[in-house]
């Protein structure tokens, strides 16, 4: 049975980057896609760009606000003429730099979007999926949820949380017929890595690579998938190293400074957005 064609799929933070690429990949597979984004104008533009691929709609969404999330899902159900078959919790922000430099607003924004937003989505769609004994939730985390590096303490903390949450959830609801997966990209060629210098082990993958991984995990459910796949073994092996070995490897691969030594001016616009990533940004008149 095709697990994608004809299904209603909702994707958060889908007006750009990974979410946008995933929407396109799923439309190409015959899904009905509903995208949510806090940037209303960007969301409308994304829907216009995707409309030639299949049935797609979009609505404002602040994942940190349960009421906003519930309203968004109600609209998605109305568009699909039924329930939510797949939820892809993609919305996220990546503030980087020394931990003590983060403001209170930055910390709360990252936790509320990256982790609380995932919890909100799961709480809102799980009841109907359990009742139908069918459904799939895909939480987009990061390799940083397995392998933390300096300059990413806050971000890694939220992604470790998403991975643990997803793993426990998939085992808890497996008997109810609901799948929960966690897709963990490495450095991805989106605004998230603005101003950073990437090479070697930090060479970025493309949003389309993550989209392909999401499609694959919907076809054949797995608990956790890294992109690229080999990073799963690297992260697992690193976890067995002592502090000195871990720091030596980090220095050799350049991951010890990539999120501490970056072009602050080139990253300024993204960091400003990451510091206040909750609330809906209405379209200009």
C-alpha atoms as a PDB file:
ATOM      1  CA  UNK A   1       0.000   0.000   0.000  1.00  0.00           C
ATOM      2  CA  UNK A   2       1.315   3.436  -0.950  1.00  0.00           C
ATOM      3  CA  UNK A   3       1.841   5.358   2.288  1.00  0.00           C
ATOM      4  CA  UNK A   4       2.162   8.745   0.567  1.00  0.00           C
ATOM      5  CA  UNK A   5      -0.150   9.004  -2.453  1.00  0.00           C
ATOM      6  CA  UNK A   6      -3.497  10.515  -1.510  1.00  0.00           C
ATOM      7  CA  UNK A   7      -2.428  11.143   2.086  1.00  0.00           C
ATOM      8  CA  UNK A   8      -2.780  14.474   3.860  1.00  0.00           C
ATOM      9  CA  UNK A   9       0.662  15.633   4.964  1.00  0.00           C
ATOM     10  CA  UNK A  10       1.266  18.726   7.069  1.00  0.00           C
ATOM     11  CA  UNK A  11       4.713  20.300   7.278  1.00  0.00           C
ATOM     12  CA  UNK A  12       5.751  23.025   9.702  1.00  0.00           C
ATOM     13  CA  UNK A  13       8.266  25.731   8.814  1.00  0.00           C
ATOM     14  CA  UNK A  14       7.827  24.809   5.169  1.00  0.00           C
ATOM     15  CA  UNK A  15       8.073  28.150   3.392  1.00  0.00           C
ATOM     16  CA  UNK A  16      11.780  27.667   2.777  1.00  0.00           C
ATOM     17  CA  UNK A  17      14.710  25.266   3.091  1.00  0.00           C
ATOM     18  CA  UNK A  18      14.161  21.664   4.141  1.00  0.00           C
ATOM     19  CA  UNK A  19      10.422  22.050   4.640  1.00  0.00           C
ATOM     20  CA  UNK A  20       9.914  23.536   1.183  1.00  0.00           C
ATOM     21  CA  UNK A  21      12.014  20.822  -0.484  1.00  0.00           C
ATOM     22  CA  UNK A  22      10.107  18.136   1.423  1.00  0.00           C
ATOM     23  CA  UNK A  23       6.772  19.591   0.337  1.00  0.00           C
ATOM     24  CA  UNK A  24       7.890  19.412  -3.293  1.00  0.00           C
ATOM     25  CA  UNK A  25       9.100  15.818  -2.960  1.00  0.00           C
ATOM     26  CA  UNK A  26       5.840  14.672  -1.364  1.00  0.00           C
ATOM     27  CA  UNK A  27       3.674  16.485  -3.910  1.00  0.00           C
ATOM     28  CA  UNK A  28       5.638  14.669  -6.611  1.00  0.00           C
ATOM     29  CA  UNK A  29       4.630  11.414  -4.896  1.00  0.00           C
ATOM     30  CA  UNK A  30       0.945  12.314  -4.974  1.00  0.00           C
ATOM     31  CA  UNK A  31       0.389  13.573  -1.446  1.00  0.00           C
ATOM     32  CA  UNK A  32      -1.912  16.424  -0.467  1.00  0.00           C
ATOM     33  CA  UNK A  33       0.390  18.865   1.325  1.00  0.00           C
ATOM     34  CA  UNK A  34      -0.473  21.630   3.766  1.00  0.00           C
ATOM     35  CA  UNK A  35       2.408  23.872   4.790  1.00  0.00           C
ATOM     36  CA  UNK A  36       2.587  26.078   7.848  1.00  0.00           C
ATOM     37  CA  UNK A  37       4.935  28.971   8.460  1.00  0.00           C
ATOM     38  CA  UNK A  38       5.054  31.997  10.753  1.00  0.00           C
ATOM     39  CA  UNK A  39       6.016  34.240   7.823  1.00  0.00           C
ATOM     40  CA  UNK A  40       2.678  34.742   6.069  1.00  0.00           C
ATOM     41  CA  UNK A  41       4.027  36.382   2.898  1.00  0.00           C
ATOM     42  CA  UNK A  42       6.741  33.760   2.472  1.00  0.00           C
ATOM     43  CA  UNK A  43       4.214  30.999   3.033  1.00  0.00           C
ATOM     44  CA  UNK A  44       1.916  32.386   0.350  1.00  0.00           C
ATOM     45  CA  UNK A  45       4.849  32.626  -2.052  1.00  0.00           C
ATOM     46  CA  UNK A  46       5.844  29.030  -1.299  1.00  0.00           C
ATOM     47  CA  UNK A  47       2.330  27.759  -2.014  1.00  0.00           C
ATOM     48  CA  UNK A  48       2.317  29.617  -5.332  1.00  0.00           C
ATOM     49  CA  UNK A  49       5.634  28.025  -6.315  1.00  0.00           C
ATOM     50  CA  UNK A  50       4.499  24.527  -5.350  1.00  0.00           C
ATOM     51  CA  UNK A  51       0.979  24.678  -6.791  1.00  0.00           C
ATOM     52  CA  UNK A  52       1.972  23.270 -10.169  1.00  0.00           C
ATOM     53  CA  UNK A  53       3.157  20.049  -8.484  1.00  0.00           C
ATOM     54  CA  UNK A  54      -0.113  19.027  -6.873  1.00  0.00           C
ATOM     55  CA  UNK A  55      -2.722  19.892  -4.239  1.00  0.00           C
ATOM     56  CA  UNK A  56      -1.048  22.254  -1.772  1.00  0.00           C
ATOM     57  CA  UNK A  57      -2.280  24.902   0.626  1.00  0.00           C
ATOM     58  CA  UNK A  58      -0.697  26.916   3.391  1.00  0.00           C
ATOM     59  CA  UNK A  59      -1.651  28.761   6.562  1.00  0.00           C
ATOM     60  CA  UNK A  60       0.002  30.886   9.247  1.00  0.00           C
ATOM     61  CA  UNK A  61       1.513  28.848  12.064  1.00  0.00           C
ATOM     62  CA  UNK A  62       3.376  29.592  15.268  1.00  0.00           C
ATOM     63  CA  UNK A  63       4.444  26.136  16.450  1.00  0.00           C
ATOM     64  CA  UNK A  64       5.192  27.456  19.952  1.00  0.00           C
ATOM     65  CA  UNK A  65       1.538  28.441  20.408  1.00  0.00           C
ATOM     66  CA  UNK A  66      -0.774  25.420  20.925  1.00  0.00           C
ATOM     67  CA  UNK A  67      -3.827  27.427  19.856  1.00  0.00           C
ATOM     68  CA  UNK A  68      -2.133  28.501  16.617  1.00  0.00           C
ATOM     69  CA  UNK A  69      -1.070  24.915  15.949  1.00  0.00           C
ATOM     70  CA  UNK A  70      -4.580  23.592  16.609  1.00  0.00           C
ATOM     71  CA  UNK A  71      -6.129  26.155  14.249  1.00  0.00           C
ATOM     72  CA  UNK A  72      -3.608  25.286  11.556  1.00  0.00           C
ATOM     73  CA  UNK A  73      -4.378  21.573  11.851  1.00  0.00           C
ATOM     74  CA  UNK A  74      -8.133  22.205  11.710  1.00  0.00           C
ATOM     75  CA  UNK A  75      -7.644  24.045   8.412  1.00  0.00           C
ATOM     76  CA  UNK A  76      -5.452  21.216   7.120  1.00  0.00           C
ATOM     77  CA  UNK A  77      -8.150  18.663   7.998  1.00  0.00           C
ATOM     78  CA  UNK A  78     -10.755  20.733   6.172  1.00  0.00           C
ATOM     79  CA  UNK A  79      -8.543  20.925   3.074  1.00  0.00           C
ATOM     80  CA  UNK A  80      -7.931  17.184   3.117  1.00  0.00           C
ATOM     81  CA  UNK A  81     -11.512  16.252   3.870  1.00  0.00           C
ATOM     82  CA  UNK A  82     -10.472  14.107   6.812  1.00  0.00           C
ATOM     83  CA  UNK A  83      -7.700  13.576   9.321  1.00  0.00           C
ATOM     84  CA  UNK A  84      -3.956  14.199   9.325  1.00  0.00           C
ATOM     85  CA  UNK A  85      -2.087  11.194   7.952  1.00  0.00           C
ATOM     86  CA  UNK A  86       1.452  12.564   8.331  1.00  0.00           C
ATOM     87  CA  UNK A  87       2.872  15.351  10.473  1.00  0.00           C
ATOM     88  CA  UNK A  88       6.372  16.584   9.697  1.00  0.00           C
ATOM     89  CA  UNK A  89       7.678  18.753  12.527  1.00  0.00           C
ATOM     90  CA  UNK A  90      10.290  20.671  10.580  1.00  0.00           C
ATOM     91  CA  UNK A  91      10.196  24.209  12.040  1.00  0.00           C
ATOM     92  CA  UNK A  92      13.402  25.076  13.856  1.00  0.00           C
ATOM     93  CA  UNK A  93      16.050  27.703  14.524  1.00  0.00           C
ATOM     94  CA  UNK A  94      19.790  27.394  15.051  1.00  0.00           C
ATOM     95  CA  UNK A  95      21.397  30.094  17.174  1.00  0.00           C
ATOM     96  CA  UNK A  96      25.139  29.529  17.438  1.00  0.00           C
ATOM     97  CA  UNK A  97      28.104  31.039  19.257  1.00  0.00           C
ATOM     98  CA  UNK A  98      29.364  30.975  22.852  1.00  0.00           C
ATOM     99  CA  UNK A  99      26.645  29.799  25.235  1.00  0.00           C
ATOM    100  CA  UNK A 100      27.105  32.743  27.602  1.00  0.00           C
ATOM    101  CA  UNK A 101      26.514  35.164  24.737  1.00  0.00           C
ATOM    102  CA  UNK A 102      22.948  33.937  24.197  1.00  0.00           C
ATOM    103  CA  UNK A 103      20.226  36.222  25.492  1.00  0.00           C
ATOM    104  CA  UNK A 104      17.277  34.983  27.519  1.00  0.00           C
ATOM    105  CA  UNK A 105      15.074  35.636  24.498  1.00  0.00           C
ATOM    106  CA  UNK A 106      17.320  33.545  22.253  1.00  0.00           C
ATOM    107  CA  UNK A 107      17.286  30.631  24.691  1.00  0.00           C
ATOM    108  CA  UNK A 108      13.523  30.650  25.107  1.00  0.00           C
ATOM    109  CA  UNK A 109      12.944  31.044  21.373  1.00  0.00           C
ATOM    110  CA  UNK A 110      15.129  28.032  20.545  1.00  0.00           C
ATOM    111  CA  UNK A 111      13.560  25.797  23.180  1.00  0.00           C
ATOM    112  CA  UNK A 112       9.996  26.816  22.347  1.00  0.00           C
ATOM    113  CA  UNK A 113      10.368  26.355  18.582  1.00  0.00           C
ATOM    114  CA  UNK A 114      12.761  23.399  18.413  1.00  0.00           C
ATOM    115  CA  UNK A 115      11.344  21.277  21.222  1.00  0.00           C
ATOM    116  CA  UNK A 116       8.074  22.658  22.568  1.00  0.00           C
ATOM    117  CA  UNK A 117       6.832  23.084  18.985  1.00  0.00           C
ATOM    118  CA  UNK A 118       7.471  19.384  18.340  1.00  0.00           C
ATOM    119  CA  UNK A 119       5.627  18.455  21.536  1.00  0.00           C
ATOM    120  CA  UNK A 120       2.677  20.652  20.544  1.00  0.00           C
ATOM    121  CA  UNK A 121       2.361  18.999  17.149  1.00  0.00           C
ATOM    122  CA  UNK A 122       2.577  15.479  18.559  1.00  0.00           C
ATOM    123  CA  UNK A 123      -0.002  16.143  21.267  1.00  0.00           C
ATOM    124  CA  UNK A 124      -2.435  17.507  18.717  1.00  0.00           C
ATOM    125  CA  UNK A 125      -2.248  14.770  16.061  1.00  0.00           C
ATOM    126  CA  UNK A 126      -1.582  11.635  18.116  1.00  0.00           C
ATOM    127  CA  UNK A 127      -5.169  11.228  19.413  1.00  0.00           C
ATOM    128  CA  UNK A 128      -6.663  10.956  15.924  1.00  0.00           C
ATOM    129  CA  UNK A 129      -3.842   8.725  14.691  1.00  0.00           C
ATOM    130  CA  UNK A 130      -4.273   6.387  17.656  1.00  0.00           C
ATOM    131  CA  UNK A 131      -8.026   6.319  17.100  1.00  0.00           C
ATOM    132  CA  UNK A 132      -7.515   5.364  13.432  1.00  0.00           C
ATOM    133  CA  UNK A 133      -4.602   3.063  14.329  1.00  0.00           C
ATOM    134  CA  UNK A 134      -2.620   4.664  11.516  1.00  0.00           C
ATOM    135  CA  UNK A 135      -0.373   7.659  11.074  1.00  0.00           C
ATOM    136  CA  UNK A 136       3.222   8.811  10.914  1.00  0.00           C
ATOM    137  CA  UNK A 137       5.034  11.657  12.665  1.00  0.00           C
ATOM    138  CA  UNK A 138       8.450  12.713  11.370  1.00  0.00           C
ATOM    139  CA  UNK A 139      10.472  15.018  13.591  1.00  0.00           C
ATOM    140  CA  UNK A 140      13.342  16.825  11.884  1.00  0.00           C
ATOM    141  CA  UNK A 141      16.198  17.042  14.373  1.00  0.00           C
ATOM    142  CA  UNK A 142      19.921  17.195  13.575  1.00  0.00           C
ATOM    143  CA  UNK A 143      23.131  15.192  13.807  1.00  0.00           C
ATOM    144  CA  UNK A 144      23.762  17.727  16.600  1.00  0.00           C
ATOM    145  CA  UNK A 145      21.226  15.647  18.522  1.00  0.00           C
ATOM    146  CA  UNK A 146      23.816  12.861  18.631  1.00  0.00           C
ATOM    147  CA  UNK A 147      27.092  14.721  18.255  1.00  0.00           C
ATOM    148  CA  UNK A 148      27.343  18.092  20.022  1.00  0.00           C
ATOM    149  CA  UNK A 149      30.109  20.563  19.197  1.00  0.00           C
ATOM    150  CA  UNK A 150      31.268  23.859  20.751  1.00  0.00           C
ATOM    151  CA  UNK A 151      29.169  26.837  19.797  1.00  0.00           C
ATOM    152  CA  UNK A 152      26.054  24.679  19.503  1.00  0.00           C
ATOM    153  CA  UNK A 153      25.262  23.957  23.156  1.00  0.00           C
ATOM    154  CA  UNK A 154      21.790  25.485  23.032  1.00  0.00           C
ATOM    155  CA  UNK A 155      20.874  24.065  19.625  1.00  0.00           C
ATOM    156  CA  UNK A 156      22.302  20.625  20.406  1.00  0.00           C
ATOM    157  CA  UNK A 157      20.402  20.549  23.691  1.00  0.00           C
ATOM    158  CA  UNK A 158      17.092  21.013  21.884  1.00  0.00           C
ATOM    159  CA  UNK A 159      17.935  18.418  19.256  1.00  0.00           C
ATOM    160  CA  UNK A 160      19.088  15.825  21.816  1.00  0.00           C
ATOM    161  CA  UNK A 161      15.683  16.395  23.408  1.00  0.00           C
ATOM    162  CA  UNK A 162      13.861  15.822  20.111  1.00  0.00           C
ATOM    163  CA  UNK A 163      15.751  12.584  19.473  1.00  0.00           C
ATOM    164  CA  UNK A 164      15.034  11.215  22.945  1.00  0.00           C
ATOM    165  CA  UNK A 165      11.414  12.299  22.776  1.00  0.00           C
ATOM    166  CA  UNK A 166      10.937  10.710  19.345  1.00  0.00           C
ATOM    167  CA  UNK A 167      12.576   7.418  20.336  1.00  0.00           C
ATOM    168  CA  UNK A 168      10.421   7.030  23.434  1.00  0.00           C
ATOM    169  CA  UNK A 169       7.285   8.043  21.544  1.00  0.00           C
ATOM    170  CA  UNK A 170       7.765   5.547  18.711  1.00  0.00           C
ATOM    171  CA  UNK A 171       8.037   2.657  21.161  1.00  0.00           C
ATOM    172  CA  UNK A 172       5.100   3.913  23.214  1.00  0.00           C
ATOM    173  CA  UNK A 173       2.721   4.119  20.243  1.00  0.00           C
ATOM    174  CA  UNK A 174       3.982   1.293  18.034  1.00  0.00           C
ATOM    175  CA  UNK A 175       1.214  -1.035  19.226  1.00  0.00           C
ATOM    176  CA  UNK A 176      -1.328   1.661  18.377  1.00  0.00           C
ATOM    177  CA  UNK A 177      -0.209   1.546  14.742  1.00  0.00           C
ATOM    178  CA  UNK A 178       1.489   4.951  14.782  1.00  0.00           C
ATOM    179  CA  UNK A 179       5.053   5.456  13.544  1.00  0.00           C
ATOM    180  CA  UNK A 180       7.347   8.181  14.882  1.00  0.00           C
ATOM    181  CA  UNK A 181      10.648   8.868  13.128  1.00  0.00           C
ATOM    182  CA  UNK A 182      13.502  11.287  13.673  1.00  0.00           C
ATOM    183  CA  UNK A 183      15.464  12.532  10.650  1.00  0.00           C
ATOM    184  CA  UNK A 184      18.809  14.108  11.535  1.00  0.00           C
ATOM    185  CA  UNK A 185      20.649  16.106   8.886  1.00  0.00           C
ATOM    186  CA  UNK A 186      24.220  17.271   9.203  1.00  0.00           C
ATOM    187  CA  UNK A 187      25.185  20.785   8.044  1.00  0.00           C
ATOM    188  CA  UNK A 188      22.557  21.697   5.458  1.00  0.00           C
ATOM    189  CA  UNK A 189      22.867  24.308   2.739  1.00  0.00           C
ATOM    190  CA  UNK A 190      20.230  26.697   4.099  1.00  0.00           C
ATOM    191  CA  UNK A 191      20.282  29.979   5.996  1.00  0.00           C
ATOM    192  CA  UNK A 192      21.037  28.020   9.172  1.00  0.00           C
ATOM    193  CA  UNK A 193      24.729  27.883   8.251  1.00  0.00           C
ATOM    194  CA  UNK A 194      25.036  31.502   7.079  1.00  0.00           C
ATOM    195  CA  UNK A 195      28.458  32.958   7.839  1.00  0.00           C
ATOM    196  CA  UNK A 196      30.103  29.644   8.720  1.00  0.00           C
ATOM    197  CA  UNK A 197      33.065  28.074   6.944  1.00  0.00           C
ATOM    198  CA  UNK A 198      32.327  24.486   5.950  1.00  0.00           C
ATOM    199  CA  UNK A 199      34.683  21.916   4.469  1.00  0.00           C
ATOM    200  CA  UNK A 200      35.629  18.276   4.847  1.00  0.00           C
ATOM    201  CA  UNK A 201      33.459  16.687   7.511  1.00  0.00           C
ATOM    202  CA  UNK A 202      31.321  19.814   7.655  1.00  0.00           C
ATOM    203  CA  UNK A 203      30.538  19.898   3.917  1.00  0.00           C
ATOM    204  CA  UNK A 204      26.809  20.676   3.760  1.00  0.00           C
ATOM    205  CA  UNK A 205      24.142  18.488   2.200  1.00  0.00           C
ATOM    206  CA  UNK A 206      21.258  19.954   0.213  1.00  0.00           C
ATOM    207  CA  UNK A 207      17.652  20.366   1.418  1.00  0.00           C
ATOM    208  CA  UNK A 208      16.605  17.925  -1.300  1.00  0.00           C
ATOM    209  CA  UNK A 209      18.774  15.248   0.368  1.00  0.00           C
ATOM    210  CA  UNK A 210      16.784  15.606   3.584  1.00  0.00           C
ATOM    211  CA  UNK A 211      13.529  15.612   1.616  1.00  0.00           C
ATOM    212  CA  UNK A 212      14.551  12.317   0.001  1.00  0.00           C
ATOM    213  CA  UNK A 213      15.290  10.855   3.438  1.00  0.00           C
ATOM    214  CA  UNK A 214      11.838  11.885   4.684  1.00  0.00           C
ATOM    215  CA  UNK A 215      10.168  10.228   1.688  1.00  0.00           C
ATOM    216  CA  UNK A 216      12.210   7.089   2.298  1.00  0.00           C
ATOM    217  CA  UNK A 217      11.317   6.907   5.986  1.00  0.00           C
ATOM    218  CA  UNK A 218       7.621   7.328   5.157  1.00  0.00           C
ATOM    219  CA  UNK A 219       7.861   4.440   2.689  1.00  0.00           C
ATOM    220  CA  UNK A 220       9.814   2.287   5.146  1.00  0.00           C
ATOM    221  CA  UNK A 221       9.535   3.583   8.741  1.00  0.00           C
ATOM    222  CA  UNK A 222      12.652   3.780  10.892  1.00  0.00           C
ATOM    223  CA  UNK A 223      13.147   5.317  14.310  1.00  0.00           C
ATOM    224  CA  UNK A 224      16.183   7.450  13.478  1.00  0.00           C
ATOM    225  CA  UNK A 225      17.929   8.333  10.233  1.00  0.00           C
ATOM    226  CA  UNK A 226      20.960  10.550   9.677  1.00  0.00           C
ATOM    227  CA  UNK A 227      21.728  12.440   6.479  1.00  0.00           C
ATOM    228  CA  UNK A 228      24.176  11.362   5.225  1.00  0.00           C
ATOM    229  CA  UNK A 229      23.662   7.836   6.559  1.00  0.00           C
ATOM    230  CA  UNK A 230      27.340   7.355   7.505  1.00  0.00           C
ATOM    231  CA  UNK A 231      27.106  10.053  10.191  1.00  0.00           C
ATOM    232  CA  UNK A 232      25.076   7.704  12.360  1.00  0.00           C
ATOM    233  CA  UNK A 233      28.149   5.515  12.834  1.00  0.00           C
ATOM    234  CA  UNK A 234      30.503   8.473  13.297  1.00  0.00           C
ATOM    235  CA  UNK A 235      28.275   9.950  15.994  1.00  0.00           C
ATOM    236  CA  UNK A 236      27.871   6.594  17.726  1.00  0.00           C
ATOM    237  CA  UNK A 237      31.625   5.948  17.712  1.00  0.00           C
ATOM    238  CA  UNK A 238      32.357   9.448  19.019  1.00  0.00           C
ATOM    239  CA  UNK A 239      30.053   8.831  21.982  1.00  0.00           C
ATOM    240  CA  UNK A 240      32.475   6.153  23.224  1.00  0.00           C
ATOM    241  CA  UNK A 241      35.480   8.488  23.215  1.00  0.00           C
ATOM    242  CA  UNK A 242      36.758  10.101  26.381  1.00  0.00           C
ATOM    243  CA  UNK A 243      36.962  13.909  26.648  1.00  0.00           C
ATOM    244  CA  UNK A 244      40.511  14.139  25.299  1.00  0.00           C
ATOM    245  CA  UNK A 245      39.781  11.841  22.369  1.00  0.00           C
ATOM    246  CA  UNK A 246      36.583  13.697  21.539  1.00  0.00           C
ATOM    247  CA  UNK A 247      38.318  17.073  21.595  1.00  0.00           C
ATOM    248  CA  UNK A 248      41.195  15.750  19.503  1.00  0.00           C
ATOM    249  CA  UNK A 249      38.794  14.442  16.875  1.00  0.00           C
ATOM    250  CA  UNK A 250      36.811  17.670  16.930  1.00  0.00           C
ATOM    251  CA  UNK A 251      39.993  19.688  16.341  1.00  0.00           C
ATOM    252  CA  UNK A 252      41.074  17.391  13.506  1.00  0.00           C
ATOM    253  CA  UNK A 253      37.751  17.675  11.717  1.00  0.00           C
ATOM    254  CA  UNK A 254      37.386  21.405  12.332  1.00  0.00           C
ATOM    255  CA  UNK A 255      34.117  21.070  14.216  1.00  0.00           C
ATOM    256  CA  UNK A 256      35.648  22.569  17.371  1.00  0.00           C
ATOM    257  CA  UNK A 257      35.569  26.118  15.986  1.00  0.00           C
ATOM    258  CA  UNK A 258      33.090  26.182  13.089  1.00  0.00           C
ATOM    259  CA  UNK A 259      30.302  27.599  15.286  1.00  0.00           C
ATOM    260  CA  UNK A 260      32.577  29.855  17.304  1.00  0.00           C
ATOM    261  CA  UNK A 261      34.606  31.450  14.499  1.00  0.00           C
ATOM    262  CA  UNK A 262      32.104  32.700  11.935  1.00  0.00           C
ATOM    263  CA  UNK A 263      31.344  35.850   9.975  1.00  0.00           C
ATOM    264  CA  UNK A 264      29.053  37.712  12.363  1.00  0.00           C
ATOM    265  CA  UNK A 265      27.974  40.263   9.754  1.00  0.00           C
ATOM    266  CA  UNK A 266      27.032  37.548   7.239  1.00  0.00           C
ATOM    267  CA  UNK A 267      25.057  35.747   9.933  1.00  0.00           C
ATOM    268  CA  UNK A 268      23.473  38.794  11.584  1.00  0.00           C
ATOM    269  CA  UNK A 269      20.159  38.657   9.729  1.00  0.00           C
ATOM    270  CA  UNK A 270      19.602  34.998  10.518  1.00  0.00           C
ATOM    271  CA  UNK A 271      20.595  35.356  14.173  1.00  0.00           C
ATOM    272  CA  UNK A 272      18.176  38.246  14.549  1.00  0.00           C
ATOM    273  CA  UNK A 273      15.377  36.071  13.219  1.00  0.00           C
ATOM    274  CA  UNK A 274      16.405  33.141  15.425  1.00  0.00           C
ATOM    275  CA  UNK A 275      16.327  35.323  18.540  1.00  0.00           C
ATOM    276  CA  UNK A 276      12.615  36.018  18.069  1.00  0.00           C
ATOM    277  CA  UNK A 277      11.216  33.020  16.192  1.00  0.00           C
ATOM    278  CA  UNK A 278       7.787  32.857  17.804  1.00  0.00           C
ATOM    279  CA  UNK A 279       4.607  34.624  16.767  1.00  0.00           C
ATOM    280  CA  UNK A 280       3.155  35.036  13.286  1.00  0.00           C
ATOM    281  CA  UNK A 281       4.671  37.639  10.990  1.00  0.00           C
ATOM    282  CA  UNK A 282       1.805  39.110   9.005  1.00  0.00           C
ATOM    283  CA  UNK A 283       2.153  40.028   5.344  1.00  0.00           C
ATOM    284  CA  UNK A 284       2.810  43.714   4.649  1.00  0.00           C
ATOM    285  CA  UNK A 285      -0.150  45.752   3.418  1.00  0.00           C
END
